[in-house]
Amino acid sequence: MLGSTSSMLVDEQMVPENSVQQIQLLASTNDGYGGVRVEIKNPMDSNVFGDLLRASISQWRQKGTKGVWIKLPIEHANLIEAAVKEGFRYHHAEPDYLMLVYWIPKTAHTLPANASHRVGIGAFVINSKREVLVVQENSGSFKGTGVWKLPTGVVNEGEDICTAAIREVEEETGIKTEFVEILAFRQSHRSFFTKSDLFFVCMLQPLSSEIQKQYEEIEAAQWMPVEEYAAQPFVKKNPQFDSVANICLAKIDVKYTGLSPFSAASSSGKPNILYFNNQDLKQPLSSGNQA
């Protein structure tokens, strides 16, 4: 069955006999870069979709359109094969849709790649007794090793790094915290389904002390003297873990300054957070507040 006008539009073209022939095309919107976006919203027979897509590509080619993006909700997965047969390829997928893309010109494409990085955090939570909050995990590569490590986790889509650090600590240990600053970050490659990884070591101040560990992921959690944490054989033998431990020790001995969060905005007015070393800044920023 044909989709409604929300999934297609009707374009009128003149034929030689001066009559008007209606040609149905897929509805699209300009993407701002010489291309178009198509979002399928209604059920459609795959053969009908294929015909509409071929006609639409022909029109887009005549108009000089470059890239074509088709957002295909999972409930319309029956249309994938028809799109692939017309030259479309996968760009990225989310739980509820697949994004396909096609470059019309006979030139090298300039389409942006899919997201290349995953973002994670490690939380250095230190109390007034020089004790650091550590956990042992009951899954993953650290399961059964006896290694005490910092709480870690992945930043969710649309979530700020500082917010993710606070959330992950509370989820894993039940400890409420206040974000202080980013101490360091590292980049690695081909770490998760070939994607690169950005990992931020964050310092937080505890607002509570009683641990209530998460049973699904955490085997044990405790407050440990920071020197004892840093002296673990695994930490000392692993250059990256040892470096992070030394940075944390330098921070609590007031020999190191990290990056503090600052509420800001982009040129378009979209709110964001800028992280910077506010201790060495010679003059205050023009506007905004510390996050």
C-alpha atoms as a PDB file:
ATOM      1  CA  MET A   1       0.000   0.000   0.000  1.00  0.00           C
ATOM      2  CA  LEU A   2       1.130   3.521  -0.667  1.00  0.00           C
ATOM      3  CA  GLY A   3       2.169   5.716   2.201  1.00  0.00           C
ATOM      4  CA  SER A   4       0.381   8.947   3.046  1.00  0.00           C
ATOM      5  CA  THR A   5       1.583  12.387   1.969  1.00  0.00           C
ATOM      6  CA  SER A   6       3.760  12.520   5.104  1.00  0.00           C
ATOM      7  CA  SER A   7       5.931   9.851   3.493  1.00  0.00           C
ATOM      8  CA  MET A   8       5.786  11.111  -0.087  1.00  0.00           C
ATOM      9  CA  LEU A   9       4.926  14.157  -2.107  1.00  0.00           C
ATOM     10  CA  VAL A  10       3.348  14.621  -5.515  1.00  0.00           C
ATOM     11  CA  ASP A  11       5.374  16.433  -8.152  1.00  0.00           C
ATOM     12  CA  GLU A  12       3.699  17.574 -11.351  1.00  0.00           C
ATOM     13  CA  GLN A  13       5.588  17.430 -14.654  1.00  0.00           C
ATOM     14  CA  MET A  14       4.513  18.573 -18.121  1.00  0.00           C
ATOM     15  CA  VAL A  15       4.353  15.966 -20.880  1.00  0.00           C
ATOM     16  CA  PRO A  16       4.590  16.726 -24.651  1.00  0.00           C
ATOM     17  CA  GLU A  17       0.806  16.744 -25.145  1.00  0.00           C
ATOM     18  CA  ASN A  18       0.574  19.748 -22.786  1.00  0.00           C
ATOM     19  CA  SER A  19      -1.240  17.589 -20.268  1.00  0.00           C
ATOM     20  CA  VAL A  20      -0.057  17.219 -16.696  1.00  0.00           C
ATOM     21  CA  GLN A  21       1.207  13.915 -15.386  1.00  0.00           C
ATOM     22  CA  GLN A  22       1.528  13.397 -11.665  1.00  0.00           C
ATOM     23  CA  ILE A  23       4.726  11.675 -10.571  1.00  0.00           C
ATOM     24  CA  GLN A  24       4.887  10.521  -6.990  1.00  0.00           C
ATOM     25  CA  LEU A  25       8.162  11.098  -5.177  1.00  0.00           C
ATOM     26  CA  LEU A  26       9.410  10.562  -1.669  1.00  0.00           C
ATOM     27  CA  ALA A  27       9.007  13.580   0.596  1.00  0.00           C
ATOM     28  CA  SER A  28      12.310  15.156   1.552  1.00  0.00           C
ATOM     29  CA  THR A  29      13.811  18.141   3.318  1.00  0.00           C
ATOM     30  CA  ASN A  30      17.081  19.926   2.558  1.00  0.00           C
ATOM     31  CA  ASP A  31      19.951  19.084   4.908  1.00  0.00           C
ATOM     32  CA  GLY A  32      21.778  22.399   4.503  1.00  0.00           C
ATOM     33  CA  TYR A  33      24.734  20.823   2.683  1.00  0.00           C
ATOM     34  CA  GLY A  34      23.315  20.262  -0.781  1.00  0.00           C
ATOM     35  CA  GLY A  35      21.605  17.016   0.178  1.00  0.00           C
ATOM     36  CA  VAL A  36      18.195  15.851   1.318  1.00  0.00           C
ATOM     37  CA  ARG A  37      16.731  13.892   4.203  1.00  0.00           C
ATOM     38  CA  VAL A  38      13.898  11.386   3.894  1.00  0.00           C
ATOM     39  CA  GLU A  39      12.043   9.952   6.862  1.00  0.00           C
ATOM     40  CA  ILE A  40       9.704   7.031   6.291  1.00  0.00           C
ATOM     41  CA  LYS A  41       6.757   7.311   8.662  1.00  0.00           C
ATOM     42  CA  ASN A  42       4.108   4.989   7.216  1.00  0.00           C
ATOM     43  CA  PRO A  43       3.974   1.347   6.081  1.00  0.00           C
ATOM     44  CA  MET A  44       4.806   0.794   2.434  1.00  0.00           C
ATOM     45  CA  ASP A  45       5.169  -2.140   0.073  1.00  0.00           C
ATOM     46  CA  SER A  46       8.848  -2.680  -0.762  1.00  0.00           C
ATOM     47  CA  ASN A  47       8.200  -2.764  -4.522  1.00  0.00           C
ATOM     48  CA  VAL A  48       6.260   0.500  -4.384  1.00  0.00           C
ATOM     49  CA  PHE A  49       9.030   2.024  -2.281  1.00  0.00           C
ATOM     50  CA  GLY A  50      11.643   0.905  -4.813  1.00  0.00           C
ATOM     51  CA  ASP A  51       9.750   2.595  -7.656  1.00  0.00           C
ATOM     52  CA  LEU A  52       9.335   5.808  -5.657  1.00  0.00           C
ATOM     53  CA  LEU A  53      12.998   5.786  -4.680  1.00  0.00           C
ATOM     54  CA  ARG A  54      14.208   5.386  -8.278  1.00  0.00           C
ATOM     55  CA  ALA A  55      11.950   8.218  -9.455  1.00  0.00           C
ATOM     56  CA  SER A  56      13.086  10.421  -6.577  1.00  0.00           C
ATOM     57  CA  ILE A  57      16.781   9.764  -7.235  1.00  0.00           C
ATOM     58  CA  SER A  58      16.256  10.745 -10.863  1.00  0.00           C
ATOM     59  CA  GLN A  59      14.695  14.045  -9.807  1.00  0.00           C
ATOM     60  CA  TRP A  60      17.343  14.721  -7.170  1.00  0.00           C
ATOM     61  CA  ARG A  61      20.081  14.056  -9.723  1.00  0.00           C
ATOM     62  CA  GLN A  62      18.552  16.581 -12.151  1.00  0.00           C
ATOM     63  CA  LYS A  63      18.416  19.168  -9.355  1.00  0.00           C
ATOM     64  CA  GLY A  64      22.081  18.637  -8.454  1.00  0.00           C
ATOM     65  CA  THR A  65      21.350  17.029  -5.101  1.00  0.00           C
ATOM     66  CA  LYS A  66      24.393  15.404  -3.521  1.00  0.00           C
ATOM     67  CA  GLY A  67      23.767  13.207  -0.520  1.00  0.00           C
ATOM     68  CA  VAL A  68      20.511  11.437   0.317  1.00  0.00           C
ATOM     69  CA  TRP A  69      19.766  10.316   3.880  1.00  0.00           C
ATOM     70  CA  ILE A  70      16.944   7.893   4.611  1.00  0.00           C
ATOM     71  CA  LYS A  71      15.850   7.395   8.207  1.00  0.00           C
ATOM     72  CA  LEU A  72      14.152   4.018   8.350  1.00  0.00           C
ATOM     73  CA  PRO A  73      12.335   3.128  11.599  1.00  0.00           C
ATOM     74  CA  ILE A  74      12.690  -0.487  12.662  1.00  0.00           C
ATOM     75  CA  GLU A  75       9.025  -1.188  11.932  1.00  0.00           C
ATOM     76  CA  HIS A  76       9.755  -0.480   8.238  1.00  0.00           C
ATOM     77  CA  ALA A  77      12.726  -2.833   7.982  1.00  0.00           C
ATOM     78  CA  ASN A  78      11.050  -4.484   4.977  1.00  0.00           C
ATOM     79  CA  LEU A  79      12.301  -1.540   2.883  1.00  0.00           C
ATOM     80  CA  ILE A  80      16.008  -2.044   3.584  1.00  0.00           C
ATOM     81  CA  GLU A  81      16.682  -4.418   0.691  1.00  0.00           C
ATOM     82  CA  ALA A  82      15.005  -2.113  -1.827  1.00  0.00           C
ATOM     83  CA  ALA A  83      17.150   0.821  -0.689  1.00  0.00           C
ATOM     84  CA  VAL A  84      20.365  -1.221  -0.793  1.00  0.00           C
ATOM     85  CA  LYS A  85      19.559  -2.356  -4.345  1.00  0.00           C
ATOM     86  CA  GLU A  86      19.437   1.323  -5.370  1.00  0.00           C
ATOM     87  CA  GLY A  87      22.939   1.924  -4.010  1.00  0.00           C
ATOM     88  CA  PHE A  88      22.233   2.995  -0.441  1.00  0.00           C
ATOM     89  CA  ARG A  89      24.551   1.853   2.348  1.00  0.00           C
ATOM     90  CA  TYR A  90      24.291   1.740   6.106  1.00  0.00           C
ATOM     91  CA  HIS A  91      25.549   4.825   7.932  1.00  0.00           C
ATOM     92  CA  HIS A  92      24.529   4.134  11.525  1.00  0.00           C
ATOM     93  CA  ALA A  93      21.844   2.448  13.575  1.00  0.00           C
ATOM     94  CA  GLU A  94      20.059   3.194  16.832  1.00  0.00           C
ATOM     95  CA  PRO A  95      17.686   0.940  18.792  1.00  0.00           C
ATOM     96  CA  ASP A  96      14.661   2.228  16.871  1.00  0.00           C
ATOM     97  CA  TYR A  97      15.940   3.154  13.404  1.00  0.00           C
ATOM     98  CA  LEU A  98      18.515   2.606  10.658  1.00  0.00           C
ATOM     99  CA  MET A  99      20.094   5.500   8.755  1.00  0.00           C
ATOM    100  CA  LEU A 100      20.985   4.799   5.126  1.00  0.00           C
ATOM    101  CA  VAL A 101      22.880   7.129   2.829  1.00  0.00           C
ATOM    102  CA  TYR A 102      23.560   7.500  -0.893  1.00  0.00           C
ATOM    103  CA  TRP A 103      25.912   9.862  -2.762  1.00  0.00           C
ATOM    104  CA  ILE A 104      24.491  10.839  -6.156  1.00  0.00           C
ATOM    105  CA  PRO A 105      27.386  12.646  -7.939  1.00  0.00           C
ATOM    106  CA  LYS A 106      30.077  10.611  -9.692  1.00  0.00           C
ATOM    107  CA  THR A 107      32.692  12.095  -7.384  1.00  0.00           C
ATOM    108  CA  ALA A 108      34.271  11.148  -4.063  1.00  0.00           C
ATOM    109  CA  HIS A 109      31.676  11.717  -1.360  1.00  0.00           C
ATOM    110  CA  THR A 110      32.015  14.297   1.409  1.00  0.00           C
ATOM    111  CA  LEU A 111      29.476  12.702   3.737  1.00  0.00           C
ATOM    112  CA  PRO A 112      30.370  12.825   7.441  1.00  0.00           C
ATOM    113  CA  ALA A 113      31.342   9.510   8.985  1.00  0.00           C
ATOM    114  CA  ASN A 114      29.427   7.855  11.782  1.00  0.00           C
ATOM    115  CA  ALA A 115      30.380   8.770  15.360  1.00  0.00           C
ATOM    116  CA  SER A 116      33.969   7.614  15.893  1.00  0.00           C
ATOM    117  CA  HIS A 117      34.348   7.647  19.685  1.00  0.00           C
ATOM    118  CA  ARG A 118      32.769   6.282  22.817  1.00  0.00           C
ATOM    119  CA  VAL A 119      33.218   8.376  25.989  1.00  0.00           C
ATOM    120  CA  GLY A 120      33.854   6.908  29.420  1.00  0.00           C
ATOM    121  CA  ILE A 121      34.698   8.161  32.903  1.00  0.00           C
ATOM    122  CA  GLY A 122      36.722   6.983  35.875  1.00  0.00           C
ATOM    123  CA  ALA A 123      35.799   8.529  39.242  1.00  0.00           C
ATOM    124  CA  PHE A 124      38.448   9.477  41.793  1.00  0.00           C
ATOM    125  CA  VAL A 125      36.364  10.057  44.947  1.00  0.00           C
ATOM    126  CA  ILE A 126      38.559  11.066  47.889  1.00  0.00           C
ATOM    127  CA  ASN A 127      37.374  11.849  51.430  1.00  0.00           C
ATOM    128  CA  SER A 128      38.940  13.916  54.222  1.00  0.00           C
ATOM    129  CA  LYS A 129      40.711  10.815  55.587  1.00  0.00           C
ATOM    130  CA  ARG A 130      42.720  10.396  52.355  1.00  0.00           C
ATOM    131  CA  GLU A 131      40.596   7.368  51.519  1.00  0.00           C
ATOM    132  CA  VAL A 132      39.588   6.682  47.938  1.00  0.00           C
ATOM    133  CA  LEU A 133      36.371   4.944  46.892  1.00  0.00           C
ATOM    134  CA  VAL A 134      37.238   1.696  45.076  1.00  0.00           C
ATOM    135  CA  VAL A 135      35.344  -1.280  43.683  1.00  0.00           C
ATOM    136  CA  GLN A 136      35.891  -4.844  42.517  1.00  0.00           C
ATOM    137  CA  GLU A 137      33.853  -5.842  39.487  1.00  0.00           C
ATOM    138  CA  ASN A 138      32.025  -9.151  39.068  1.00  0.00           C
ATOM    139  CA  SER A 139      32.143  -9.080  35.248  1.00  0.00           C
ATOM    140  CA  GLY A 140      34.549  -8.100  32.504  1.00  0.00           C
ATOM    141  CA  SER A 141      38.321  -8.379  32.449  1.00  0.00           C
ATOM    142  CA  PHE A 142      38.723  -7.506  36.144  1.00  0.00           C
ATOM    143  CA  LYS A 143      36.383 -10.228  37.406  1.00  0.00           C
ATOM    144  CA  GLY A 144      38.107 -12.478  39.940  1.00  0.00           C
ATOM    145  CA  THR A 145      41.428 -10.600  39.820  1.00  0.00           C
ATOM    146  CA  GLY A 146      41.155  -9.046  43.277  1.00  0.00           C
ATOM    147  CA  VAL A 147      42.103  -5.650  41.831  1.00  0.00           C
ATOM    148  CA  TRP A 148      40.567  -2.614  43.496  1.00  0.00           C
ATOM    149  CA  LYS A 149      39.813   0.037  40.880  1.00  0.00           C
ATOM    150  CA  LEU A 150      38.069   3.359  40.512  1.00  0.00           C
ATOM    151  CA  PRO A 151      34.350   3.282  39.633  1.00  0.00           C
ATOM    152  CA  THR A 152      33.997   3.599  35.866  1.00  0.00           C
ATOM    153  CA  GLY A 153      31.231   3.876  33.294  1.00  0.00           C
ATOM    154  CA  VAL A 154      30.070   5.159  29.923  1.00  0.00           C
ATOM    155  CA  VAL A 155      28.674   8.634  29.286  1.00  0.00           C
ATOM    156  CA  ASN A 156      25.147   8.430  27.897  1.00  0.00           C
ATOM    157  CA  GLU A 157      23.987  10.268  24.785  1.00  0.00           C
ATOM    158  CA  GLY A 158      23.231  13.890  25.680  1.00  0.00           C
ATOM    159  CA  GLU A 159      24.869  13.562  29.100  1.00  0.00           C
ATOM    160  CA  ASP A 160      27.653  15.835  30.349  1.00  0.00           C
ATOM    161  CA  ILE A 161      30.893  14.264  31.579  1.00  0.00           C
ATOM    162  CA  CYS A 162      30.475  15.765  35.053  1.00  0.00           C
ATOM    163  CA  THR A 163      26.905  14.464  35.316  1.00  0.00           C
ATOM    164  CA  ALA A 164      27.925  10.995  34.134  1.00  0.00           C
ATOM    165  CA  ALA A 165      30.663  10.764  36.773  1.00  0.00           C
ATOM    166  CA  ILE A 166      28.217  11.631  39.568  1.00  0.00           C
ATOM    167  CA  ARG A 167      25.644   9.158  38.237  1.00  0.00           C
ATOM    168  CA  GLU A 168      28.063   6.251  37.805  1.00  0.00           C
ATOM    169  CA  VAL A 169      29.454   6.608  41.342  1.00  0.00           C
ATOM    170  CA  GLU A 170      25.985   6.593  42.867  1.00  0.00           C
ATOM    171  CA  GLU A 171      24.814   3.685  40.697  1.00  0.00           C
ATOM    172  CA  GLU A 172      27.792   1.480  41.601  1.00  0.00           C
ATOM    173  CA  THR A 173      28.339   2.425  45.250  1.00  0.00           C
ATOM    174  CA  GLY A 174      25.369   4.457  46.491  1.00  0.00           C
ATOM    175  CA  ILE A 175      27.706   7.357  47.353  1.00  0.00           C
ATOM    176  CA  LYS A 176      26.450  10.834  46.509  1.00  0.00           C
ATOM    177  CA  THR A 177      29.141  13.188  45.228  1.00  0.00           C
ATOM    178  CA  GLU A 178      29.921  16.644  43.941  1.00  0.00           C
ATOM    179  CA  PHE A 179      31.999  17.032  40.788  1.00  0.00           C
ATOM    180  CA  VAL A 180      35.327  18.843  41.246  1.00  0.00           C
ATOM    181  CA  GLU A 181      37.321  18.614  38.019  1.00  0.00           C
ATOM    182  CA  ILE A 182      38.774  16.501  35.223  1.00  0.00           C
ATOM    183  CA  LEU A 183      42.256  15.332  36.183  1.00  0.00           C
ATOM    184  CA  ALA A 184      43.317  13.679  32.928  1.00  0.00           C
ATOM    185  CA  PHE A 185      42.009  11.868  29.864  1.00  0.00           C
ATOM    186  CA  ARG A 186      43.297   9.253  27.469  1.00  0.00           C
ATOM    187  CA  GLN A 187      42.420   8.232  23.944  1.00  0.00           C
ATOM    188  CA  SER A 188      42.575   4.671  22.640  1.00  0.00           C
ATOM    189  CA  HIS A 189      41.562   3.053  19.356  1.00  0.00           C
ATOM    190  CA  ARG A 190      39.681  -0.061  18.213  1.00  0.00           C
ATOM    191  CA  SER A 191      38.447  -0.614  21.750  1.00  0.00           C
ATOM    192  CA  PHE A 192      34.699  -1.135  21.254  1.00  0.00           C
ATOM    193  CA  PHE A 193      33.361  -2.534  17.951  1.00  0.00           C
ATOM    194  CA  THR A 194      36.314  -0.836  16.163  1.00  0.00           C
ATOM    195  CA  LYS A 195      35.417   2.558  17.678  1.00  0.00           C
ATOM    196  CA  SER A 196      37.931   4.783  19.439  1.00  0.00           C
ATOM    197  CA  ASP A 197      37.534   5.571  23.115  1.00  0.00           C
ATOM    198  CA  LEU A 198      37.936   8.732  25.210  1.00  0.00           C
ATOM    199  CA  PHE A 199      38.274   8.114  28.953  1.00  0.00           C
ATOM    200  CA  PHE A 200      38.140  10.989  31.461  1.00  0.00           C
ATOM    201  CA  VAL A 201      39.535  10.650  34.987  1.00  0.00           C
ATOM    202  CA  CYS A 202      37.325  12.838  37.170  1.00  0.00           C
ATOM    203  CA  MET A 203      37.778  13.998  40.756  1.00  0.00           C
ATOM    204  CA  LEU A 204      34.679  14.103  42.948  1.00  0.00           C
ATOM    205  CA  GLN A 205      34.027  15.077  46.551  1.00  0.00           C
ATOM    206  CA  PRO A 206      31.846  12.672  48.568  1.00  0.00           C
ATOM    207  CA  LEU A 207      28.645  14.017  50.116  1.00  0.00           C
ATOM    208  CA  SER A 208      27.885  10.733  51.906  1.00  0.00           C
ATOM    209  CA  SER A 209      29.964   7.860  53.272  1.00  0.00           C
ATOM    210  CA  GLU A 210      27.803   4.748  53.650  1.00  0.00           C
ATOM    211  CA  ILE A 211      28.367   2.379  50.725  1.00  0.00           C
ATOM    212  CA  GLN A 212      25.443   0.538  49.139  1.00  0.00           C
ATOM    213  CA  LYS A 213      26.976  -1.405  46.285  1.00  0.00           C
ATOM    214  CA  GLN A 214      25.238  -2.409  43.100  1.00  0.00           C
ATOM    215  CA  TYR A 215      24.951  -6.206  43.049  1.00  0.00           C
ATOM    216  CA  GLU A 216      24.587  -6.633  39.271  1.00  0.00           C
ATOM    217  CA  GLU A 217      28.065  -5.315  38.380  1.00  0.00           C
ATOM    218  CA  ILE A 218      29.982  -4.787  41.627  1.00  0.00           C
ATOM    219  CA  GLU A 219      31.491  -7.611  43.690  1.00  0.00           C
ATOM    220  CA  ALA A 220      32.705  -5.334  46.499  1.00  0.00           C
ATOM    221  CA  ALA A 221      33.203  -1.655  47.316  1.00  0.00           C
ATOM    222  CA  GLN A 222      35.105   0.097  50.087  1.00  0.00           C
ATOM    223  CA  TRP A 223      37.022   3.171  51.214  1.00  0.00           C
ATOM    224  CA  MET A 224      40.743   2.450  50.904  1.00  0.00           C
ATOM    225  CA  PRO A 225      43.770   4.563  51.924  1.00  0.00           C
ATOM    226  CA  VAL A 226      44.870   6.214  48.701  1.00  0.00           C
ATOM    227  CA  GLU A 227      48.504   5.131  49.186  1.00  0.00           C
ATOM    228  CA  GLU A 228      47.346   1.508  49.533  1.00  0.00           C
ATOM    229  CA  TYR A 229      45.334   1.821  46.330  1.00  0.00           C
ATOM    230  CA  ALA A 230      48.330   3.230  44.460  1.00  0.00           C
ATOM    231  CA  ALA A 231      50.645   0.504  45.812  1.00  0.00           C
ATOM    232  CA  GLN A 232      48.636  -2.433  44.421  1.00  0.00           C
ATOM    233  CA  PRO A 233      50.903  -4.693  42.303  1.00  0.00           C
ATOM    234  CA  PHE A 234      48.571  -4.429  39.300  1.00  0.00           C
ATOM    235  CA  VAL A 235      48.600  -0.631  39.486  1.00  0.00           C
ATOM    236  CA  LYS A 236      52.390  -0.444  39.829  1.00  0.00           C
ATOM    237  CA  LYS A 237      52.958  -2.822  36.897  1.00  0.00           C
ATOM    238  CA  ASN A 238      50.508  -1.085  34.553  1.00  0.00           C
ATOM    239  CA  PRO A 239      51.958   2.229  33.283  1.00  0.00           C
ATOM    240  CA  GLN A 240      48.568   3.784  32.596  1.00  0.00           C
ATOM    241  CA  PHE A 241      47.081   2.862  35.997  1.00  0.00           C
ATOM    242  CA  ASP A 242      50.282   3.930  37.727  1.00  0.00           C
ATOM    243  CA  SER A 243      50.275   7.294  35.958  1.00  0.00           C
ATOM    244  CA  VAL A 244      46.645   7.929  36.921  1.00  0.00           C
ATOM    245  CA  ALA A 245      47.383   6.988  40.537  1.00  0.00           C
ATOM    246  CA  ASN A 246      50.328   9.391  40.615  1.00  0.00           C
ATOM    247  CA  ILE A 247      48.179  12.190  39.194  1.00  0.00           C
ATOM    248  CA  CYS A 248      45.557  11.549  41.887  1.00  0.00           C
ATOM    249  CA  LEU A 249      48.224  11.593  44.603  1.00  0.00           C
ATOM    250  CA  ALA A 250      49.643  14.851  43.250  1.00  0.00           C
ATOM    251  CA  LYS A 251      46.172  16.388  43.246  1.00  0.00           C
ATOM    252  CA  ILE A 252      45.405  15.671  46.911  1.00  0.00           C
ATOM    253  CA  ASP A 253      48.888  16.939  47.844  1.00  0.00           C
ATOM    254  CA  VAL A 254      48.009  20.222  46.069  1.00  0.00           C
ATOM    255  CA  LYS A 255      50.669  19.755  43.430  1.00  0.00           C
ATOM    256  CA  TYR A 256      48.387  19.451  40.425  1.00  0.00           C
ATOM    257  CA  THR A 257      45.497  21.392  38.891  1.00  0.00           C
ATOM    258  CA  GLY A 258      42.889  19.797  36.688  1.00  0.00           C
ATOM    259  CA  LEU A 259      40.128  21.167  34.460  1.00  0.00           C
ATOM    260  CA  SER A 260      37.066  22.675  36.128  1.00  0.00           C
ATOM    261  CA  PRO A 261      33.619  22.809  34.477  1.00  0.00           C
ATOM    262  CA  PHE A 262      32.233  26.126  33.269  1.00  0.00           C
ATOM    263  CA  SER A 263      28.714  26.606  31.880  1.00  0.00           C
ATOM    264  CA  ALA A 264      28.943  28.202  28.440  1.00  0.00           C
ATOM    265  CA  ALA A 265      27.129  28.318  25.108  1.00  0.00           C
ATOM    266  CA  SER A 266      27.972  27.735  21.460  1.00  0.00           C
ATOM    267  CA  SER A 267      27.732  30.435  18.771  1.00  0.00           C
ATOM    268  CA  SER A 268      24.184  29.213  18.069  1.00  0.00           C
ATOM    269  CA  GLY A 269      23.202  29.563  21.714  1.00  0.00           C
ATOM    270  CA  LYS A 270      23.235  25.851  22.533  1.00  0.00           C
ATOM    271  CA  PRO A 271      24.296  25.306  26.170  1.00  0.00           C
ATOM    272  CA  ASN A 272      27.509  23.374  26.767  1.00  0.00           C
ATOM    273  CA  ILE A 273      30.273  22.957  29.332  1.00  0.00           C
ATOM    274  CA  LEU A 274      33.823  24.217  28.920  1.00  0.00           C
ATOM    275  CA  TYR A 275      36.520  22.552  31.053  1.00  0.00           C
ATOM    276  CA  PHE A 276      39.644  24.561  31.813  1.00  0.00           C
ATOM    277  CA  ASN A 277      42.379  25.252  34.371  1.00  0.00           C
ATOM    278  CA  ASN A 278      40.835  28.131  36.282  1.00  0.00           C
ATOM    279  CA  GLN A 279      43.704  28.380  38.773  1.00  0.00           C
ATOM    280  CA  ASP A 280      46.194  29.664  36.213  1.00  0.00           C
ATOM    281  CA  LEU A 281      43.728  31.843  34.314  1.00  0.00           C
ATOM    282  CA  LYS A 282      44.894  35.448  34.612  1.00  0.00           C
ATOM    283  CA  GLN A 283      41.467  36.984  34.055  1.00  0.00           C
ATOM    284  CA  PRO A 284      37.880  35.735  34.502  1.00  0.00           C
ATOM    285  CA  LEU A 285      35.892  34.476  31.554  1.00  0.00           C
ATOM    286  CA  SER A 286      33.509  36.964  29.972  1.00  0.00           C
ATOM    287  CA  SER A 287      30.286  35.289  31.128  1.00  0.00           C
ATOM    288  CA  GLY A 288      28.815  32.104  32.482  1.00  0.00           C
ATOM    289  CA  ASN A 289      29.139  30.241  35.744  1.00  0.00           C
ATOM    290  CA  GLN A 290      31.102  27.328  37.121  1.00  0.00           C
ATOM    291  CA  ALA A 291      29.007  24.200  36.537  1.00  0.00           C
END
